[in-house]
Amino acid sequence: MNPAIVRAVAGLLGATAGLLWLLCMYLVARSGLSADPAIDPHGYALMLGTVVGLIAGRLFAAVLPAAFPADRRQTARRACMAGFVVSTAMLYAVLNLR
């Protein structure tokens, strides 16, 4: 298969997973940090956002670096994984320490 096609598909899949991860992070933060019970009355955004967000974030961190040139892949992999781990851990720490 053509390497340009593989990189384009990896970029598209990684970017889509990254956007889904950010959406889930937003839903979890909105649900967990809100004082209004009408925002998420049953807690589904918090529960499903956590599960789907972890899966989408890991997919983002694993797939998106494949869209970069070979000499920059390791740096992209480190940056994506560090961003995923730090952002997710900080959000869940804030929610649990609240």
PDB file of N, CA and C in Angstrom:
ATOM      1  N   MET A   1       0.852  -1.182   0.000  1.00  0.00           N
ATOM      2  CA  MET A   1       0.000   0.000   0.000  1.00  0.00           C
ATOM      3  C   MET A   1       0.893   1.239   0.000  1.00  0.00           C
ATOM      4  N   ASN A   2       0.422   2.272  -0.624  1.00  0.00           N
ATOM      5  CA  ASN A   2       1.157   3.514  -0.756  1.00  0.00           C
ATOM      6  C   ASN A   2       1.346   4.183   0.615  1.00  0.00           C
ATOM      7  N   PRO A   3       2.583   4.561   0.986  1.00  0.00           N
ATOM      8  CA  PRO A   3       2.817   5.189   2.290  1.00  0.00           C
ATOM      9  C   PRO A   3       2.064   6.507   2.481  1.00  0.00           C
ATOM     10  N   ALA A   4       1.824   7.226   1.404  1.00  0.00           N
ATOM     11  CA  ALA A   4       1.084   8.488   1.525  1.00  0.00           C
ATOM     12  C   ALA A   4      -0.366   8.231   1.929  1.00  0.00           C
ATOM     13  N   ILE A   5      -0.943   7.167   1.413  1.00  0.00           N
ATOM     14  CA  ILE A   5      -2.320   6.821   1.778  1.00  0.00           C
ATOM     15  C   ILE A   5      -2.383   6.369   3.232  1.00  0.00           C
ATOM     16  N   VAL A   6      -1.405   5.582   3.648  1.00  0.00           N
ATOM     17  CA  VAL A   6      -1.362   5.116   5.034  1.00  0.00           C
ATOM     18  C   VAL A   6      -1.241   6.295   5.989  1.00  0.00           C
ATOM     19  N   ARG A   7      -0.373   7.243   5.655  1.00  0.00           N
ATOM     20  CA  ARG A   7      -0.203   8.419   6.512  1.00  0.00           C
ATOM     21  C   ARG A   7      -1.464   9.277   6.534  1.00  0.00           C
ATOM     22  N   ALA A   8      -2.146   9.397   5.399  1.00  0.00           N
ATOM     23  CA  ALA A   8      -3.380  10.188   5.358  1.00  0.00           C
ATOM     24  C   ALA A   8      -4.482   9.536   6.187  1.00  0.00           C
ATOM     25  N   VAL A   9      -4.610   8.226   6.081  1.00  0.00           N
ATOM     26  CA  VAL A   9      -5.627   7.518   6.865  1.00  0.00           C
ATOM     27  C   VAL A   9      -5.294   7.596   8.352  1.00  0.00           C
ATOM     28  N   ALA A  10      -4.025   7.451   8.701  1.00  0.00           N
ATOM     29  CA  ALA A  10      -3.613   7.562  10.105  1.00  0.00           C
ATOM     30  C   ALA A  10      -3.888   8.962  10.632  1.00  0.00           C
ATOM     31  N   GLY A  11      -3.636   9.966   9.826  1.00  0.00           N
ATOM     32  CA  GLY A  11      -3.912  11.336  10.247  1.00  0.00           C
ATOM     33  C   GLY A  11      -5.393  11.588  10.446  1.00  0.00           C
ATOM     34  N   LEU A  12      -6.203  11.083   9.542  1.00  0.00           N
ATOM     35  CA  LEU A  12      -7.647  11.260   9.647  1.00  0.00           C
ATOM     36  C   LEU A  12      -8.210  10.514  10.859  1.00  0.00           C
ATOM     37  N   LEU A  13      -7.806   9.270  11.033  1.00  0.00           N
ATOM     38  CA  LEU A  13      -8.286   8.472  12.162  1.00  0.00           C
ATOM     39  C   LEU A  13      -7.784   9.044  13.489  1.00  0.00           C
ATOM     40  N   GLY A  14      -6.516   9.443  13.538  1.00  0.00           N
ATOM     41  CA  GLY A  14      -5.959  10.020  14.762  1.00  0.00           C
ATOM     42  C   GLY A  14      -6.600  11.345  15.124  1.00  0.00           C
ATOM     43  N   ALA A  15      -6.834  12.190  14.128  1.00  0.00           N
ATOM     44  CA  ALA A  15      -7.476  13.485  14.397  1.00  0.00           C
ATOM     45  C   ALA A  15      -8.926  13.303  14.842  1.00  0.00           C
ATOM     46  N   THR A  16      -9.631  12.370  14.239  1.00  0.00           N
ATOM     47  CA  THR A  16     -11.008  12.097  14.646  1.00  0.00           C
ATOM     48  C   THR A  16     -11.059  11.561  16.073  1.00  0.00           C
ATOM     49  N   ALA A  17     -10.157  10.647  16.396  1.00  0.00           N
ATOM     50  CA  ALA A  17     -10.103  10.121  17.763  1.00  0.00           C
ATOM     51  C   ALA A  17      -9.723  11.225  18.755  1.00  0.00           C
ATOM     52  N   GLY A  18      -8.842  12.117  18.343  1.00  0.00           N
ATOM     53  CA  GLY A  18      -8.464  13.234  19.210  1.00  0.00           C
ATOM     54  C   GLY A  18      -9.629  14.178  19.476  1.00  0.00           C
ATOM     55  N   LEU A  19     -10.411  14.449  18.459  1.00  0.00           N
ATOM     56  CA  LEU A  19     -11.587  15.304  18.652  1.00  0.00           C
ATOM     57  C   LEU A  19     -12.628  14.633  19.538  1.00  0.00           C
ATOM     58  N   LEU A  20     -12.822  13.333  19.364  1.00  0.00           N
ATOM     59  CA  LEU A  20     -13.745  12.597  20.228  1.00  0.00           C
ATOM     60  C   LEU A  20     -13.248  12.594  21.671  1.00  0.00           C
ATOM     61  N   TRP A  21     -11.955  12.435  21.858  1.00  0.00           N
ATOM     62  CA  TRP A  21     -11.365  12.477  23.194  1.00  0.00           C
ATOM     63  C   TRP A  21     -11.580  13.840  23.847  1.00  0.00           C
ATOM     64  N   LEU A  22     -11.361  14.910  23.104  1.00  0.00           N
ATOM     65  CA  LEU A  22     -11.583  16.252  23.648  1.00  0.00           C
ATOM     66  C   LEU A  22     -13.054  16.488  23.984  1.00  0.00           C
ATOM     67  N   LEU A  23     -13.950  16.003  23.147  1.00  0.00           N
ATOM     68  CA  LEU A  23     -15.378  16.122  23.439  1.00  0.00           C
ATOM     69  C   LEU A  23     -15.740  15.374  24.717  1.00  0.00           C
ATOM     70  N   CYS A  24     -15.210  14.181  24.865  1.00  0.00           N
ATOM     71  CA  CYS A  24     -15.481  13.411  26.081  1.00  0.00           C
ATOM     72  C   CYS A  24     -14.890  14.084  27.315  1.00  0.00           C
ATOM     73  N   MET A  25     -13.694  14.652  27.180  1.00  0.00           N
ATOM     74  CA  MET A  25     -13.097  15.378  28.307  1.00  0.00           C
ATOM     75  C   MET A  25     -13.989  16.556  28.702  1.00  0.00           C
ATOM     76  N   TYR A  26     -14.520  17.252  27.709  1.00  0.00           N
ATOM     77  CA  TYR A  26     -15.415  18.372  27.985  1.00  0.00           C
ATOM     78  C   TYR A  26     -16.678  17.894  28.698  1.00  0.00           C
ATOM     79  N   LEU A  27     -17.276  16.809  28.215  1.00  0.00           N
ATOM     80  CA  LEU A  27     -18.494  16.293  28.840  1.00  0.00           C
ATOM     81  C   LEU A  27     -18.239  15.841  30.275  1.00  0.00           C
ATOM     82  N   VAL A  28     -17.129  15.181  30.514  1.00  0.00           N
ATOM     83  CA  VAL A  28     -16.798  14.725  31.861  1.00  0.00           C
ATOM     84  C   VAL A  28     -16.549  15.921  32.771  1.00  0.00           C
ATOM     85  N   ALA A  29     -15.826  16.917  32.293  1.00  0.00           N
ATOM     86  CA  ALA A  29     -15.556  18.099  33.104  1.00  0.00           C
ATOM     87  C   ALA A  29     -16.846  18.865  33.387  1.00  0.00           C
ATOM     88  N   ARG A  30     -17.681  19.014  32.378  1.00  0.00           N
ATOM     89  CA  ARG A  30     -18.946  19.727  32.569  1.00  0.00           C
ATOM     90  C   ARG A  30     -19.853  18.997  33.552  1.00  0.00           C
ATOM     91  N   SER A  31     -19.898  17.688  33.453  1.00  0.00           N
ATOM     92  CA  SER A  31     -20.744  16.910  34.341  1.00  0.00           C
ATOM     93  C   SER A  31     -20.183  16.865  35.756  1.00  0.00           C
ATOM     94  N   GLY A  32     -18.895  16.687  35.871  1.00  0.00           N
ATOM     95  CA  GLY A  32     -18.282  16.528  37.187  1.00  0.00           C
ATOM     96  C   GLY A  32     -18.110  17.806  37.964  1.00  0.00           C
ATOM     97  N   LEU A  33     -17.917  18.922  37.276  1.00  0.00           N
ATOM     98  CA  LEU A  33     -17.642  20.181  37.958  1.00  0.00           C
ATOM     99  C   LEU A  33     -18.864  21.080  38.101  1.00  0.00           C
ATOM    100  N   SER A  34     -19.988  20.671  37.553  1.00  0.00           N
ATOM    101  CA  SER A  34     -21.187  21.496  37.604  1.00  0.00           C
ATOM    102  C   SER A  34     -21.911  21.304  38.929  1.00  0.00           C
ATOM    103  N   ALA A  35     -22.427  22.391  39.465  1.00  0.00           N
ATOM    104  CA  ALA A  35     -23.230  22.331  40.689  1.00  0.00           C
ATOM    105  C   ALA A  35     -24.705  22.138  40.364  1.00  0.00           C
ATOM    106  N   ASP A  36     -25.069  22.277  39.093  1.00  0.00           N
ATOM    107  CA  ASP A  36     -26.458  22.133  38.667  1.00  0.00           C
ATOM    108  C   ASP A  36     -26.756  20.665  38.345  1.00  0.00           C
ATOM    109  N   PRO A  37     -27.647  20.014  39.078  1.00  0.00           N
ATOM    110  CA  PRO A  37     -27.934  18.605  38.799  1.00  0.00           C
ATOM    111  C   PRO A  37     -28.660  18.375  37.475  1.00  0.00           C
ATOM    112  N   ALA A  38     -29.198  19.418  36.874  1.00  0.00           N
ATOM    113  CA  ALA A  38     -29.893  19.268  35.602  1.00  0.00           C
ATOM    114  C   ALA A  38     -28.926  19.116  34.425  1.00  0.00           C
ATOM    115  N   ILE A  39     -27.659  19.406  34.628  1.00  0.00           N
ATOM    116  CA  ILE A  39     -26.673  19.270  33.554  1.00  0.00           C
ATOM    117  C   ILE A  39     -26.536  17.803  33.134  1.00  0.00           C
ATOM    118  N   ASP A  40     -26.407  16.909  34.095  1.00  0.00           N
ATOM    119  CA  ASP A  40     -26.269  15.478  33.834  1.00  0.00           C
ATOM    120  C   ASP A  40     -27.003  14.731  34.948  1.00  0.00           C
ATOM    121  N   PRO A  41     -28.341  14.659  34.859  1.00  0.00           N
ATOM    122  CA  PRO A  41     -29.115  14.148  35.993  1.00  0.00           C
ATOM    123  C   PRO A  41     -28.837  12.683  36.342  1.00  0.00           C
ATOM    124  N   HIS A  42     -28.512  11.862  35.366  1.00  0.00           N
ATOM    125  CA  HIS A  42     -28.306  10.445  35.637  1.00  0.00           C
ATOM    126  C   HIS A  42     -26.838  10.047  35.669  1.00  0.00           C
ATOM    127  N   GLY A  43     -25.958  10.941  35.278  1.00  0.00           N
ATOM    128  CA  GLY A  43     -24.530  10.657  35.303  1.00  0.00           C
ATOM    129  C   GLY A  43     -24.011   9.906  34.096  1.00  0.00           C
ATOM    130  N   TYR A  44     -24.805   9.838  33.035  1.00  0.00           N
ATOM    131  CA  TYR A  44     -24.374   9.089  31.852  1.00  0.00           C
ATOM    132  C   TYR A  44     -23.201   9.774  31.141  1.00  0.00           C
ATOM    133  N   ALA A  45     -23.192  11.083  31.114  1.00  0.00           N
ATOM    134  CA  ALA A  45     -22.079  11.786  30.465  1.00  0.00           C
ATOM    135  C   ALA A  45     -20.783  11.511  31.214  1.00  0.00           C
ATOM    136  N   LEU A  46     -20.860  11.453  32.521  1.00  0.00           N
ATOM    137  CA  LEU A  46     -19.672  11.179  33.322  1.00  0.00           C
ATOM    138  C   LEU A  46     -19.196   9.741  33.121  1.00  0.00           C
ATOM    139  N   MET A  47     -20.112   8.800  33.129  1.00  0.00           N
ATOM    140  CA  MET A  47     -19.738   7.378  32.988  1.00  0.00           C
ATOM    141  C   MET A  47     -19.273   7.048  31.570  1.00  0.00           C
ATOM    142  N   LEU A  48     -20.104   7.362  30.590  1.00  0.00           N
ATOM    143  CA  LEU A  48     -19.751   7.022  29.211  1.00  0.00           C
ATOM    144  C   LEU A  48     -18.611   7.896  28.686  1.00  0.00           C
ATOM    145  N   GLY A  49     -18.581   9.145  29.123  1.00  0.00           N
ATOM    146  CA  GLY A  49     -17.486  10.022  28.718  1.00  0.00           C
ATOM    147  C   GLY A  49     -16.146   9.524  29.214  1.00  0.00           C
ATOM    148  N   THR A  50     -16.134   8.939  30.404  1.00  0.00           N
ATOM    149  CA  THR A  50     -14.892   8.399  30.941  1.00  0.00           C
ATOM    150  C   THR A  50     -14.416   7.208  30.125  1.00  0.00           C
ATOM    151  N   VAL A  51     -15.295   6.268  29.856  1.00  0.00           N
ATOM    152  CA  VAL A  51     -14.910   5.050  29.134  1.00  0.00           C
ATOM    153  C   VAL A  51     -14.536   5.371  27.691  1.00  0.00           C
ATOM    154  N   VAL A  52     -15.410   6.077  26.999  1.00  0.00           N
ATOM    155  CA  VAL A  52     -15.147   6.392  25.592  1.00  0.00           C
ATOM    156  C   VAL A  52     -13.946   7.332  25.463  1.00  0.00           C
ATOM    157  N   GLY A  53     -13.807   8.258  26.402  1.00  0.00           N
ATOM    158  CA  GLY A  53     -12.681   9.185  26.362  1.00  0.00           C
ATOM    159  C   GLY A  53     -11.341   8.496  26.534  1.00  0.00           C
ATOM    160  N   LEU A  54     -11.270   7.535  27.429  1.00  0.00           N
ATOM    161  CA  LEU A  54     -10.016   6.797  27.610  1.00  0.00           C
ATOM    162  C   LEU A  54      -9.659   5.986  26.368  1.00  0.00           C
ATOM    163  N   ILE A  55     -10.650   5.357  25.762  1.00  0.00           N
ATOM    164  CA  ILE A  55     -10.392   4.565  24.554  1.00  0.00           C
ATOM    165  C   ILE A  55     -10.008   5.468  23.384  1.00  0.00           C
ATOM    166  N   ALA A  56     -10.755   6.554  23.192  1.00  0.00           N
ATOM    167  CA  ALA A  56     -10.466   7.468  22.077  1.00  0.00           C
ATOM    168  C   ALA A  56      -9.129   8.174  22.272  1.00  0.00           C
ATOM    169  N   GLY A  57      -8.815   8.541  23.492  1.00  0.00           N
ATOM    170  CA  GLY A  57      -7.537   9.203  23.763  1.00  0.00           C
ATOM    171  C   GLY A  57      -6.357   8.287  23.511  1.00  0.00           C
ATOM    172  N   ARG A  58      -6.485   7.042  23.898  1.00  0.00           N
ATOM    173  CA  ARG A  58      -5.399   6.087  23.653  1.00  0.00           C
ATOM    174  C   ARG A  58      -5.253   5.824  22.163  1.00  0.00           C
ATOM    175  N   LEU A  59      -6.366   5.746  21.452  1.00  0.00           N
ATOM    176  CA  LEU A  59      -6.310   5.571  19.999  1.00  0.00           C
ATOM    177  C   LEU A  59      -5.646   6.780  19.341  1.00  0.00           C
ATOM    178  N   PHE A  60      -5.994   7.966  19.808  1.00  0.00           N
ATOM    179  CA  PHE A  60      -5.370   9.195  19.311  1.00  0.00           C
ATOM    180  C   PHE A  60      -3.857   9.161  19.510  1.00  0.00           C
ATOM    181  N   ALA A  61      -3.424   8.803  20.726  1.00  0.00           N
ATOM    182  CA  ALA A  61      -1.996   8.811  21.042  1.00  0.00           C
ATOM    183  C   ALA A  61      -1.228   7.723  20.297  1.00  0.00           C
ATOM    184  N   ALA A  62      -1.905   6.649  19.928  1.00  0.00           N
ATOM    185  CA  ALA A  62      -1.223   5.555  19.240  1.00  0.00           C
ATOM    186  C   ALA A  62      -1.201   5.719  17.721  1.00  0.00           C
ATOM    187  N   VAL A  63      -2.257   6.306  17.152  1.00  0.00           N
ATOM    188  CA  VAL A  63      -2.394   6.320  15.696  1.00  0.00           C
ATOM    189  C   VAL A  63      -1.887   7.616  15.052  1.00  0.00           C
ATOM    190  N   LEU A  64      -2.139   8.749  15.681  1.00  0.00           N
ATOM    191  CA  LEU A  64      -1.780  10.028  15.052  1.00  0.00           C
ATOM    192  C   LEU A  64      -0.291  10.155  14.727  1.00  0.00           C
ATOM    193  N   PRO A  65       0.638   9.681  15.557  1.00  0.00           N
ATOM    194  CA  PRO A  65       2.055   9.807  15.185  1.00  0.00           C
ATOM    195  C   PRO A  65       2.430   9.102  13.886  1.00  0.00           C
ATOM    196  N   ALA A  66       1.653   8.132  13.443  1.00  0.00           N
ATOM    197  CA  ALA A  66       1.950   7.452  12.181  1.00  0.00           C
ATOM    198  C   ALA A  66       1.745   8.369  10.982  1.00  0.00           C
ATOM    199  N   ALA A  67       1.068   9.488  11.170  1.00  0.00           N
ATOM    200  CA  ALA A  67       0.843  10.426  10.074  1.00  0.00           C
ATOM    201  C   ALA A  67       2.050  11.339   9.842  1.00  0.00           C
ATOM    202  N   PHE A  68       2.996  11.325  10.748  1.00  0.00           N
ATOM    203  CA  PHE A  68       4.177  12.182  10.627  1.00  0.00           C
ATOM    204  C   PHE A  68       5.286  11.460   9.868  1.00  0.00           C
ATOM    205  N   PRO A  69       6.256  12.217   9.333  1.00  0.00           N
ATOM    206  CA  PRO A  69       7.396  11.567   8.670  1.00  0.00           C
ATOM    207  C   PRO A  69       8.157  10.677   9.657  1.00  0.00           C
ATOM    208  N   ALA A  70       8.874   9.711   9.134  1.00  0.00           N
ATOM    209  CA  ALA A  70       9.538   8.706   9.969  1.00  0.00           C
ATOM    210  C   ALA A  70      10.522   9.325  10.964  1.00  0.00           C
ATOM    211  N   ASP A  71      11.195  10.390  10.587  1.00  0.00           N
ATOM    212  CA  ASP A  71      12.181  10.982  11.494  1.00  0.00           C
ATOM    213  C   ASP A  71      11.535  11.781  12.631  1.00  0.00           C
ATOM    214  N   ARG A  72      10.272  12.111  12.521  1.00  0.00           N
ATOM    215  CA  ARG A  72       9.585  12.877  13.571  1.00  0.00           C
ATOM    216  C   ARG A  72       8.546  12.057  14.333  1.00  0.00           C
ATOM    217  N   ARG A  73       8.405  10.794  13.982  1.00  0.00           N
ATOM    218  CA  ARG A  73       7.379   9.962  14.605  1.00  0.00           C
ATOM    219  C   ARG A  73       7.582   9.773  16.099  1.00  0.00           C
ATOM    220  N   GLN A  74       8.811   9.549  16.526  1.00  0.00           N
ATOM    221  CA  GLN A  74       9.076   9.314  17.947  1.00  0.00           C
ATOM    222  C   GLN A  74       8.751  10.557  18.776  1.00  0.00           C
ATOM    223  N   THR A  75       9.086  11.726  18.267  1.00  0.00           N
ATOM    224  CA  THR A  75       8.763  12.969  18.969  1.00  0.00           C
ATOM    225  C   THR A  75       7.256  13.179  19.028  1.00  0.00           C
ATOM    226  N   ALA A  76       6.578  12.903  17.924  1.00  0.00           N
ATOM    227  CA  ALA A  76       5.116  13.039  17.901  1.00  0.00           C
ATOM    228  C   ALA A  76       4.471  12.033  18.845  1.00  0.00           C
ATOM    229  N   ARG A  77       5.002  10.828  18.897  1.00  0.00           N
ATOM    230  CA  ARG A  77       4.451   9.803  19.789  1.00  0.00           C
ATOM    231  C   ARG A  77       4.597  10.229  21.247  1.00  0.00           C
ATOM    232  N   ARG A  78       5.755  10.752  21.594  1.00  0.00           N
ATOM    233  CA  ARG A  78       5.971  11.221  22.970  1.00  0.00           C
ATOM    234  C   ARG A  78       5.048  12.383  23.319  1.00  0.00           C
ATOM    235  N   ALA A  79       4.903  13.319  22.394  1.00  0.00           N
ATOM    236  CA  ALA A  79       4.052  14.489  22.651  1.00  0.00           C
ATOM    237  C   ALA A  79       2.586  14.094  22.776  1.00  0.00           C
ATOM    238  N   CYS A  80       2.109  13.228  21.889  1.00  0.00           N
ATOM    239  CA  CYS A  80       0.706  12.792  21.952  1.00  0.00           C
ATOM    240  C   CYS A  80       0.428  12.003  23.222  1.00  0.00           C
ATOM    241  N   MET A  81       1.318  11.086  23.566  1.00  0.00           N
ATOM    242  CA  MET A  81       1.106  10.274  24.763  1.00  0.00           C
ATOM    243  C   MET A  81       1.201  11.124  26.024  1.00  0.00           C
ATOM    244  N   ALA A  82       2.155  12.034  26.075  1.00  0.00           N
ATOM    245  CA  ALA A  82       2.277  12.897  27.246  1.00  0.00           C
ATOM    246  C   ALA A  82       1.058  13.804  27.384  1.00  0.00           C
ATOM    247  N   GLY A  83       0.583  14.355  26.275  1.00  0.00           N
ATOM    248  CA  GLY A  83      -0.608  15.195  26.324  1.00  0.00           C
ATOM    249  C   GLY A  83      -1.830  14.429  26.782  1.00  0.00           C
ATOM    250  N   PHE A  84      -1.988  13.211  26.282  1.00  0.00           N
ATOM    251  CA  PHE A  84      -3.118  12.373  26.679  1.00  0.00           C
ATOM    252  C   PHE A  84      -3.053  12.019  28.161  1.00  0.00           C
ATOM    253  N   VAL A  85      -1.912  11.528  28.618  1.00  0.00           N
ATOM    254  CA  VAL A  85      -1.787  11.079  30.008  1.00  0.00           C
ATOM    255  C   VAL A  85      -1.916  12.239  30.980  1.00  0.00           C
ATOM    256  N   VAL A  86      -1.224  13.335  30.714  1.00  0.00           N
ATOM    257  CA  VAL A  86      -1.245  14.473  31.638  1.00  0.00           C
ATOM    258  C   VAL A  86      -2.630  15.112  31.693  1.00  0.00           C
ATOM    259  N   SER A  87      -3.248  15.351  30.550  1.00  0.00           N
ATOM    260  CA  SER A  87      -4.570  15.990  30.529  1.00  0.00           C
ATOM    261  C   SER A  87      -5.629  15.123  31.199  1.00  0.00           C
ATOM    262  N   THR A  88      -5.622  13.846  30.891  1.00  0.00           N
ATOM    263  CA  THR A  88      -6.616  12.950  31.471  1.00  0.00           C
ATOM    264  C   THR A  88      -6.398  12.785  32.967  1.00  0.00           C
ATOM    265  N   ALA A  89      -5.159  12.625  33.384  1.00  0.00           N
ATOM    266  CA  ALA A  89      -4.875  12.457  34.810  1.00  0.00           C
ATOM    267  C   ALA A  89      -5.231  13.722  35.590  1.00  0.00           C
ATOM    268  N   MET A  90      -4.945  14.878  35.019  1.00  0.00           N
ATOM    269  CA  MET A  90      -5.281  16.125  35.714  1.00  0.00           C
ATOM    270  C   MET A  90      -6.787  16.290  35.851  1.00  0.00           C
ATOM    271  N   LEU A  91      -7.545  15.976  34.812  1.00  0.00           N
ATOM    272  CA  LEU A  91      -8.988  16.090  34.877  1.00  0.00           C
ATOM    273  C   LEU A  91      -9.571  15.169  35.940  1.00  0.00           C
ATOM    274  N   TYR A  92      -9.140  13.915  35.940  1.00  0.00           N
ATOM    275  CA  TYR A  92      -9.681  12.969  36.913  1.00  0.00           C
ATOM    276  C   TYR A  92      -9.204  13.278  38.325  1.00  0.00           C
ATOM    277  N   ALA A  93      -8.011  13.835  38.470  1.00  0.00           N
ATOM    278  CA  ALA A  93      -7.549  14.240  39.805  1.00  0.00           C
ATOM    279  C   ALA A  93      -8.389  15.406  40.325  1.00  0.00           C
ATOM    280  N   VAL A  94      -8.692  16.346  39.461  1.00  0.00           N
ATOM    281  CA  VAL A  94      -9.531  17.477  39.879  1.00  0.00           C
ATOM    282  C   VAL A  94     -10.931  16.990  40.258  1.00  0.00           C
ATOM    283  N   LEU A  95     -11.451  16.066  39.480  1.00  0.00           N
ATOM    284  CA  LEU A  95     -12.798  15.553  39.790  1.00  0.00           C
ATOM    285  C   LEU A  95     -12.821  14.754  41.085  1.00  0.00           C
ATOM    286  N   ASN A  96     -11.770  14.012  41.363  1.00  0.00           N
ATOM    287  CA  ASN A  96     -11.747  13.188  42.574  1.00  0.00           C
ATOM    288  C   ASN A  96     -11.360  13.975  43.814  1.00  0.00           C
ATOM    289  N   LEU A  97     -10.618  15.048  43.667  1.00  0.00           N
ATOM    290  CA  LEU A  97     -10.210  15.850  44.819  1.00  0.00           C
ATOM    291  C   LEU A  97     -11.229  16.926  45.163  1.00  0.00           C
ATOM    292  N   ARG A  98     -12.206  17.102  44.334  1.00  0.00           N
ATOM    293  CA  ARG A  98     -13.220  18.126  44.540  1.00  0.00           C
ATOM    294  C   ARG A  98     -14.131  17.805  45.668  1.00  0.00           C
TER     295      ARG A  98
END
